[in-house]
Protein backbone atom coordinates (compact mmCIF):
# COMPACT_ATOMS: atom_id res chain seq x y z
CA UNK A 1 -6.57 -15.86 -61.67
CA UNK A 2 -2.58 -16.12 -62.52
CA UNK A 3 -0.08 -13.73 -63.36
CA UNK A 4 2.54 -15.00 -65.75
CA UNK A 5 5.39 -12.36 -66.13
CA UNK A 6 8.04 -13.53 -68.82
CA UNK A 7 10.79 -11.95 -71.18
CA UNK A 8 9.55 -11.45 -75.34
CA UNK A 9 11.91 -13.64 -76.48
CA UNK A 10 11.19 -13.20 -80.14
CA UNK A 11 12.51 -9.42 -79.73
CA UNK A 12 14.19 -7.91 -77.38
CA UNK A 13 15.30 -10.29 -74.11
CA UNK A 14 14.86 -7.65 -71.56
CA UNK A 15 10.97 -6.07 -72.38
CA UNK A 16 8.68 -7.83 -70.08
CA UNK A 17 4.27 -8.17 -70.70
CA UNK A 18 2.33 -9.14 -67.94
CA UNK A 19 -0.79 -12.01 -69.11
CA UNK A 20 -3.95 -12.86 -67.16
CA UNK A 21 -4.49 -17.08 -67.50
CA UNK A 22 -8.64 -16.63 -67.02
CA UNK A 23 -9.58 -20.51 -65.37
CA UNK A 24 -12.35 -22.40 -66.32
CA UNK A 25 -13.79 -24.05 -62.96
CA UNK A 26 -13.99 -27.19 -64.66
CA UNK A 27 -10.29 -27.22 -64.93
CA UNK A 28 -9.84 -25.58 -61.74
CA UNK A 29 -6.96 -28.14 -60.90
CA UNK A 30 -4.95 -26.87 -62.43
CA UNK A 31 -5.01 -25.20 -59.21
CA UNK A 32 -3.36 -27.18 -57.54
CA UNK A 33 -0.33 -27.94 -59.81
CA UNK A 34 1.12 -24.97 -61.12
CA UNK A 35 4.54 -26.94 -61.05
CA UNK A 36 3.49 -28.14 -63.86
CA UNK A 37 2.64 -25.09 -66.47
CA UNK A 38 5.41 -23.94 -69.28
CA UNK A 39 4.94 -20.79 -70.63
CA UNK A 40 7.12 -19.81 -74.16
CA UNK A 41 6.93 -16.81 -77.18
CA UNK A 42 6.31 -18.47 -80.13
CA UNK A 43 6.56 -15.57 -82.36
CA UNK A 44 6.74 -11.76 -83.44
CA UNK A 45 3.72 -12.53 -83.71
CA UNK A 46 3.50 -12.61 -79.41
CA UNK A 47 1.49 -16.21 -79.62
CA UNK A 48 1.52 -17.66 -76.33
CA UNK A 49 2.32 -22.03 -75.75
CA UNK A 50 1.20 -22.87 -72.79
CA UNK A 51 1.68 -26.54 -71.90
CA UNK A 52 -0.33 -28.44 -69.34
CA UNK A 53 0.77 -32.12 -68.03
CA UNK A 54 -3.05 -32.67 -67.92
CA UNK A 55 -4.73 -30.28 -70.71
CA UNK A 56 -4.66 -30.06 -73.86
CA UNK A 57 -6.24 -26.98 -74.46
CA UNK A 58 -6.56 -23.00 -72.55
CA UNK A 59 -7.67 -20.14 -73.63
CA UNK A 60 -5.04 -17.16 -73.28
CA UNK A 61 -6.36 -13.54 -72.50
CA UNK A 62 -3.37 -11.36 -72.52
CA UNK A 63 -3.92 -7.84 -71.13
CA UNK A 64 -4.09 -6.13 -74.75
CA UNK A 65 -6.60 -8.36 -75.77
CA UNK A 66 -5.13 -10.68 -77.48
CA UNK A 67 -7.02 -14.25 -76.96
CA UNK A 68 -4.84 -16.73 -78.78
CA UNK A 69 -5.38 -20.74 -78.39
CA UNK A 70 -2.83 -22.36 -76.38
CA UNK A 71 -1.33 -26.25 -77.14
CA UNK A 72 1.40 -28.55 -74.67
CA UNK A 73 5.28 -27.26 -75.01
CA UNK A 74 7.59 -27.75 -72.50
CA UNK A 75 9.55 -25.47 -72.12
CA UNK A 76 10.93 -22.94 -68.31
CA UNK A 77 9.24 -19.87 -67.38
CA UNK A 78 10.47 -16.76 -65.20
CA UNK A 79 8.18 -15.55 -62.74
CA UNK A 80 4.59 -16.90 -61.48
CA UNK A 81 2.01 -15.18 -58.93
CA UNK A 82 -1.51 -16.11 -57.83
CA UNK A 83 -3.12 -12.97 -57.97
């Protein structure tokens, strides 16, 4: 499981939210390619896009219970922790 911290670009640059990215077994290759992870807020609706060089779609489950479909994009993230 990956824990990601990032700023809420859509409304406030100083707020931070935590999200859990649940990796399906068939996508376990992700664990060896953390350097390819990119993430950012798309809008004030807190839609998250996570891009990978080897995966087109994953399911992102937020701690607040929101579930979003993610797509490939390339931007920088601030911090990534493995838990």
